[in-house]
Amino acid sequence: MPRTTTLGRPVILGIVGDSAAGKTTLTSGIAQILGPARVATICTDDYHAFDRRERAENGLSALDPRCNHMDILEQHLRLLRQGQPILKPVYNHERGTLDRPDYIAPKPYIIVEGLLGYATRAMRDCYDVKVFLDPDPKLRIRWKVKRDTERRGYTRDEVMWALDKRRFDSPTHIEPQRTFADIIINFFPPLEQMEESGAHLNVRHILRPTLPHPDLTPILGMSAQSGLHLELSRDTDGKPVDVLEIAGTIPERRALKVEDLLWALIPEASQMRARLGAYDGPAMSHPLALTQLFIAYHMLMAAEGIHAV
């Protein structure tokens, strides 16, 4: 079985990003690796203070902290970190309503995904691993239109209107949280196929030294055809970071070698080895699968660190 913490404290992962950045897709694969029964998932959207109608009336968007119960979210993260249960609010995305709360008991692993997970210092102090999703902007718009029209009852015009209304909220409230992440994940289409939005997207991981990242040198290829590239670079603030790029066209044999390396580093999770990298439908993405596995590795390493204290 995957590592557990004997001190009674769960390992908490934060996944923050703008609307339709891919948070839920990433979360589902990570939970599959760690074991669904051992993972509790919290969506910070549930802490909206107003329903959809009220937001329209008061002119606030869901990206604005004033539109959310930030103090209650802080309190709940502290309680979960202490191994205590919470009564979590529920926001119904299909109807845009606030529904009956859910009783959430802590589990060995907790994934907190949403828009504003790093908005305050109190919240940031609760995480063991912090991820920020920063996909190509045009790609994210395509994802949002597809999701909101197919699953949330919006028309395309309504989605585009909402995006326009939020064009100042995102750089004000969402993008600054990038500063606090350990790993920044950027999915983007290949130059030769700019309309790609699924299984063949490339991914770039910006790896900050705030976490000890796995050694991938045994399987790194030097040729452009290897589909995997790691280099030392500079972050937006000028500080050194490692940048790992995985091509959507990475050969399956090489992708499986990377998977094998990461699974070998977390052998206690090997029996959880399952089909990862799933998008809507039967499509499978090696870059997504490796991203999910890479983050799960960090969760398990964090559990080991807690156990060693």
Protein backbone atom coordinates (compact mmCIF):
# COMPACT_ATOMS: atom_id res chain seq x y z
CA MET A 1 0.00 0.00 0.00
CA PRO A 2 1.11 3.63 -0.47
CA ARG A 3 2.92 5.30 2.42
CA THR A 4 0.79 6.59 5.26
CA THR A 5 1.62 9.07 7.97
CA THR A 6 1.82 7.60 11.46
CA LEU A 7 1.45 11.05 13.01
CA GLY A 8 -2.17 11.35 11.92
CA ARG A 9 -1.54 14.28 9.61
CA PRO A 10 -2.55 13.97 5.97
CA VAL A 11 -0.40 15.09 3.05
CA ILE A 12 -2.04 18.05 1.31
CA LEU A 13 -1.59 18.91 -2.35
CA GLY A 14 -2.74 22.21 -3.80
CA ILE A 15 -3.67 22.55 -7.49
CA VAL A 16 -4.49 26.14 -8.44
CA GLY A 17 -5.31 27.60 -11.82
CA ASP A 18 -7.81 29.64 -13.76
CA SER A 19 -11.22 28.32 -14.78
CA ALA A 20 -10.91 25.28 -17.09
CA ALA A 21 -7.12 25.08 -16.67
CA GLY A 22 -7.32 21.28 -16.30
CA LYS A 23 -7.37 21.00 -12.49
CA THR A 24 -10.00 18.26 -12.26
CA THR A 25 -8.41 16.15 -15.02
CA LEU A 26 -5.04 16.31 -13.30
CA THR A 27 -6.56 15.55 -9.91
CA SER A 28 -8.40 12.41 -11.06
CA GLY A 29 -5.21 10.73 -12.27
CA ILE A 30 -3.26 11.60 -9.13
CA ALA A 31 -6.04 10.16 -6.96
CA GLN A 32 -5.99 6.98 -9.06
CA ILE A 33 -2.28 6.51 -8.36
CA LEU A 34 -2.54 7.16 -4.62
CA GLY A 35 -5.68 5.05 -4.29
CA PRO A 36 -9.14 6.66 -4.51
CA ALA A 37 -10.16 5.35 -1.10
CA ARG A 38 -7.15 7.10 0.45
CA VAL A 39 -7.72 10.50 -1.14
CA ALA A 40 -10.15 13.28 -0.19
CA THR A 41 -10.65 15.96 -2.84
CA ILE A 42 -11.71 19.48 -1.93
CA CYS A 43 -12.79 22.00 -4.56
CA THR A 44 -12.36 25.59 -3.42
CA ASP A 45 -15.21 26.62 -5.74
CA ASP A 46 -17.50 25.20 -3.07
CA TYR A 47 -16.63 28.18 -0.88
CA HIS A 48 -18.43 30.66 -3.13
CA ALA A 49 -20.34 33.14 -0.97
CA PHE A 50 -22.96 33.84 -3.65
CA ASP A 51 -24.87 31.72 -6.12
CA ARG A 52 -24.79 32.40 -9.86
CA ARG A 53 -27.77 34.77 -9.81
CA GLU A 54 -26.40 36.78 -6.88
CA ARG A 55 -23.00 37.14 -8.57
CA ALA A 56 -24.69 38.53 -11.66
CA GLU A 57 -26.63 41.00 -9.54
CA ASN A 58 -23.68 42.26 -7.50
CA GLY A 59 -21.25 42.36 -10.45
CA LEU A 60 -18.62 40.11 -8.85
CA SER A 61 -17.02 37.10 -10.50
CA ALA A 62 -16.12 33.82 -8.82
CA LEU A 63 -12.43 34.74 -9.24
CA ASP A 64 -12.74 37.60 -6.77
CA PRO A 65 -11.85 36.68 -3.16
CA ARG A 66 -14.73 38.91 -2.02
CA CYS A 67 -17.03 36.42 -3.69
CA ASN A 68 -15.76 33.54 -1.54
CA HIS A 69 -15.66 32.58 2.13
CA MET A 70 -11.87 32.74 2.34
CA ASP A 71 -11.82 32.70 6.14
CA ILE A 72 -13.82 29.46 6.28
CA LEU A 73 -11.57 27.87 3.65
CA GLU A 74 -8.52 28.79 5.75
CA GLN A 75 -10.16 27.29 8.83
CA HIS A 76 -11.08 24.07 7.02
CA LEU A 77 -7.57 23.58 5.63
CA ARG A 78 -6.10 23.97 9.11
CA LEU A 79 -8.59 21.45 10.51
CA LEU A 80 -7.87 18.90 7.78
CA ARG A 81 -4.12 19.30 8.30
CA GLN A 82 -4.70 18.54 11.98
CA GLY A 83 -6.62 15.39 11.03
CA GLN A 84 -10.02 16.84 11.91
CA PRO A 85 -13.25 16.51 9.84
CA ILE A 86 -15.04 19.44 8.24
CA LEU A 87 -18.53 20.26 7.05
CA LYS A 88 -17.70 21.47 3.54
CA PRO A 89 -20.07 23.76 1.62
CA VAL A 90 -21.18 22.65 -1.85
CA TYR A 91 -21.56 24.76 -4.98
CA ASN A 92 -23.60 23.14 -7.75
CA HIS A 93 -21.95 24.09 -11.04
CA GLU A 94 -24.80 22.79 -13.17
CA ARG A 95 -27.48 24.89 -11.48
CA GLY A 96 -25.28 27.64 -10.08
CA THR A 97 -26.74 27.12 -6.59
CA LEU A 98 -25.42 26.60 -3.08
CA ASP A 99 -26.42 23.10 -1.93
CA ARG A 100 -26.38 21.07 1.28
CA PRO A 101 -22.86 20.74 2.78
CA ASP A 102 -20.83 17.51 2.79
CA TYR A 103 -19.18 15.87 5.77
CA ILE A 104 -15.51 15.33 4.86
CA ALA A 105 -13.31 13.16 7.04
CA PRO A 106 -9.54 13.53 6.54
CA LYS A 107 -7.74 10.79 4.60
CA PRO A 108 -4.02 10.12 4.20
CA TYR A 109 -3.95 12.35 1.10
CA ILE A 110 -5.96 15.48 0.42
CA ILE A 111 -6.08 17.29 -2.91
CA VAL A 112 -7.33 20.88 -2.79
CA GLU A 113 -8.06 22.20 -6.27
CA GLY A 114 -9.60 25.46 -7.40
CA LEU A 115 -9.19 29.12 -8.20
CA LEU A 116 -7.93 30.71 -4.98
CA GLY A 117 -6.09 28.03 -3.02
CA TYR A 118 -2.92 30.13 -2.51
CA ALA A 119 -4.64 33.49 -2.03
CA THR A 120 -3.62 33.87 1.62
CA ARG A 121 -0.55 33.00 3.68
CA ALA A 122 -2.65 30.94 6.08
CA MET A 123 -3.80 28.69 3.24
CA ARG A 124 -0.35 28.39 1.65
CA ASP A 125 1.11 27.21 4.95
CA CYS A 126 -1.21 24.18 4.91
CA TYR A 127 0.18 22.53 1.75
CA ASP A 128 2.99 20.05 1.38
CA VAL A 129 3.08 20.34 -2.43
CA LYS A 130 1.85 23.32 -4.46
CA VAL A 131 1.09 23.13 -8.19
CA PHE A 132 -0.04 25.94 -10.48
CA LEU A 133 -1.67 25.14 -13.82
CA ASP A 134 -0.87 27.68 -16.52
CA PRO A 135 -1.98 26.32 -19.92
CA ASP A 136 -1.72 28.22 -23.18
CA PRO A 137 -4.44 30.96 -22.99
CA LYS A 138 -6.13 30.05 -26.27
CA LEU A 139 -6.11 26.39 -25.30
CA ARG A 140 -7.76 27.18 -21.97
CA ILE A 141 -10.53 29.11 -23.73
CA ARG A 142 -11.24 26.10 -25.96
CA TRP A 143 -11.34 23.87 -22.90
CA LYS A 144 -13.69 26.25 -21.09
CA VAL A 145 -16.13 26.58 -23.97
CA LYS A 146 -16.30 22.81 -24.36
CA ARG A 147 -16.75 22.14 -20.63
CA ASP A 148 -19.26 24.88 -19.88
CA THR A 149 -21.46 24.21 -22.91
CA GLU A 150 -21.42 20.42 -22.58
CA ARG A 151 -21.54 20.04 -18.78
CA ARG A 152 -22.73 23.26 -17.18
CA GLY A 153 -25.63 24.37 -19.34
CA TYR A 154 -24.13 27.55 -20.81
CA THR A 155 -24.33 28.71 -24.40
CA ARG A 156 -21.13 29.61 -26.22
CA ASP A 157 -22.10 33.29 -26.14
CA GLU A 158 -22.59 33.13 -22.37
CA VAL A 159 -19.15 31.54 -21.92
CA MET A 160 -17.45 34.17 -24.05
CA TRP A 161 -19.29 36.94 -22.17
CA ALA A 162 -18.11 35.51 -18.85
CA LEU A 163 -14.53 35.33 -20.10
CA ASP A 164 -14.67 38.94 -21.19
CA LYS A 165 -16.11 39.98 -17.85
CA ARG A 166 -13.26 38.20 -16.04
CA ARG A 167 -10.42 39.53 -18.20
CA PHE A 168 -9.23 41.80 -15.36
CA ASP A 169 -9.98 39.38 -12.52
CA SER A 170 -7.63 36.68 -13.74
CA PRO A 171 -4.42 38.80 -13.79
CA THR A 172 -5.48 40.43 -10.51
CA HIS A 173 -6.49 37.37 -8.47
CA ILE A 174 -5.37 34.15 -10.18
CA GLU A 175 -2.05 34.75 -11.92
CA PRO A 176 -0.24 36.22 -8.85
CA GLN A 177 -0.66 32.85 -7.10
CA ARG A 178 1.83 31.37 -9.58
CA THR A 179 4.56 32.90 -7.40
CA PHE A 180 3.88 30.46 -4.58
CA ALA A 181 3.90 27.17 -6.52
CA ASP A 182 6.59 24.50 -6.31
CA ILE A 183 5.72 23.27 -9.81
CA ILE A 184 4.18 25.24 -12.69
CA ILE A 185 2.56 23.14 -15.42
CA ASN A 186 2.02 24.55 -18.88
CA PHE A 187 0.16 22.50 -21.50
CA PHE A 188 0.47 23.93 -25.00
CA PRO A 189 -0.14 22.79 -28.59
CA PRO A 190 2.77 21.91 -30.89
CA LEU A 191 3.69 24.55 -33.47
CA GLU A 192 2.78 22.24 -36.32
CA GLN A 193 -0.69 21.54 -34.89
CA MET A 194 -1.92 24.67 -33.11
CA GLU A 195 -5.53 23.44 -32.93
CA GLU A 196 -4.58 20.42 -30.84
CA SER A 197 -6.41 20.44 -27.50
CA GLY A 198 -6.13 16.89 -26.18
CA ALA A 199 -3.92 13.82 -26.20
CA HIS A 200 -1.08 15.26 -28.30
CA LEU A 201 -0.47 18.47 -26.36
CA ASN A 202 3.05 19.22 -25.17
CA VAL A 203 3.67 19.98 -21.51
CA ARG A 204 6.30 22.09 -19.78
CA HIS A 205 7.09 21.68 -16.06
CA ILE A 206 8.84 24.55 -14.31
CA LEU A 207 10.47 22.90 -11.31
CA ARG A 208 11.41 25.23 -8.50
CA PRO A 209 14.01 24.13 -5.92
CA THR A 210 11.43 24.33 -3.13
CA LEU A 211 10.97 20.55 -3.60
CA PRO A 212 13.57 17.79 -4.15
CA HIS A 213 12.67 16.62 -7.65
CA PRO A 214 13.44 13.09 -8.93
CA ASP A 215 16.62 12.45 -10.90
CA LEU A 216 15.56 11.85 -14.51
CA THR A 217 19.04 11.77 -16.05
CA PRO A 218 19.01 7.96 -16.56
CA ILE A 219 16.30 8.27 -19.22
CA LEU A 220 16.88 11.72 -20.71
CA GLY A 221 17.56 11.71 -24.44
CA MET A 222 19.69 14.29 -26.20
CA SER A 223 18.05 14.07 -29.63
CA ALA A 224 15.09 16.19 -30.65
CA GLN A 225 13.16 12.99 -31.37
CA SER A 226 13.42 11.73 -27.80
CA GLY A 227 10.31 13.67 -26.75
CA LEU A 228 11.85 14.55 -23.38
CA HIS A 229 14.08 17.48 -22.55
CA LEU A 230 15.40 18.89 -19.26
CA GLU A 231 17.39 22.09 -18.93
CA LEU A 232 18.41 24.70 -16.39
CA SER A 233 16.64 28.02 -16.98
CA ARG A 234 15.49 31.19 -15.24
CA ASP A 235 12.06 31.84 -13.80
CA THR A 236 10.15 35.07 -14.37
CA ASP A 237 11.81 36.49 -11.25
CA GLY A 238 15.27 35.58 -12.54
CA LYS A 239 15.82 32.70 -10.11
CA PRO A 240 17.18 29.38 -11.43
CA VAL A 241 14.70 26.59 -12.17
CA ASP A 242 14.74 23.28 -14.00
CA VAL A 243 12.44 23.08 -17.01
CA LEU A 244 11.19 19.66 -18.09
CA GLU A 245 9.41 19.42 -21.44
CA ILE A 246 7.49 16.38 -22.64
CA ALA A 247 6.31 16.33 -26.23
CA GLY A 248 2.85 15.16 -27.18
CA THR A 249 4.57 13.01 -29.79
CA ILE A 250 6.93 11.33 -27.32
CA PRO A 251 7.48 7.74 -28.50
CA GLU A 252 5.52 5.29 -26.37
CA ARG A 253 8.65 3.29 -25.55
CA ARG A 254 10.38 6.34 -24.10
CA ALA A 255 7.24 7.44 -22.22
CA LEU A 256 7.00 4.00 -20.64
CA LYS A 257 10.66 4.20 -19.59
CA VAL A 258 9.94 7.44 -17.75
CA GLU A 259 6.89 5.85 -16.13
CA ASP A 260 8.99 2.84 -15.10
CA LEU A 261 11.60 5.12 -13.52
CA LEU A 262 9.00 7.02 -11.49
CA TRP A 263 7.15 3.87 -10.43
CA ALA A 264 10.49 2.39 -9.33
CA LEU A 265 10.94 5.38 -7.02
CA ILE A 266 7.56 4.71 -5.38
CA PRO A 267 7.42 0.88 -5.30
CA GLU A 268 4.79 0.80 -2.56
CA ALA A 269 2.35 2.35 -5.05
CA SER A 270 3.17 -0.05 -7.89
CA GLN A 271 0.04 -2.12 -7.34
CA MET A 272 -1.95 1.06 -8.04
CA ARG A 273 -0.43 1.20 -11.52
CA ALA A 274 -3.37 1.99 -13.75
CA ARG A 275 -4.27 3.66 -17.01
CA LEU A 276 -3.38 7.31 -16.60
CA GLY A 277 -3.45 10.32 -18.89
CA ALA A 278 -7.11 9.97 -19.87
CA TYR A 279 -8.92 12.86 -21.53
CA ASP A 280 -12.62 12.82 -22.41
CA GLY A 281 -13.32 9.61 -24.28
CA PRO A 282 -10.74 6.94 -25.11
CA ALA A 283 -7.84 9.31 -25.86
CA MET A 284 -4.69 8.83 -23.76
CA SER A 285 -1.93 11.43 -23.32
CA HIS A 286 1.58 10.43 -22.27
CA PRO A 287 2.44 14.02 -21.18
CA LEU A 288 -0.65 14.09 -18.95
CA ALA A 289 0.06 10.62 -17.54
CA LEU A 290 3.65 11.53 -16.70
CA THR A 291 2.53 14.80 -15.13
CA GLN A 292 0.05 12.97 -12.90
CA LEU A 293 2.69 10.43 -11.90
CA PHE A 294 5.31 13.11 -11.27
CA ILE A 295 3.04 14.93 -8.82
CA ALA A 296 1.96 11.70 -7.11
CA TYR A 297 5.66 10.97 -6.57
CA HIS A 298 5.99 14.25 -4.69
CA MET A 299 2.95 13.41 -2.56
CA LEU A 300 4.49 10.11 -1.54
CA MET A 301 7.84 11.74 -0.82
CA ALA A 302 6.06 14.29 1.38
CA ALA A 303 4.41 11.43 3.29
CA GLU A 304 7.79 9.84 3.82
CA GLY A 305 9.12 13.14 5.17
CA ILE A 306 6.29 13.44 7.65
CA HIS A 307 6.85 9.85 8.76
CA ALA A 308 10.57 10.55 9.32
CA VAL A 309 9.96 13.55 11.60
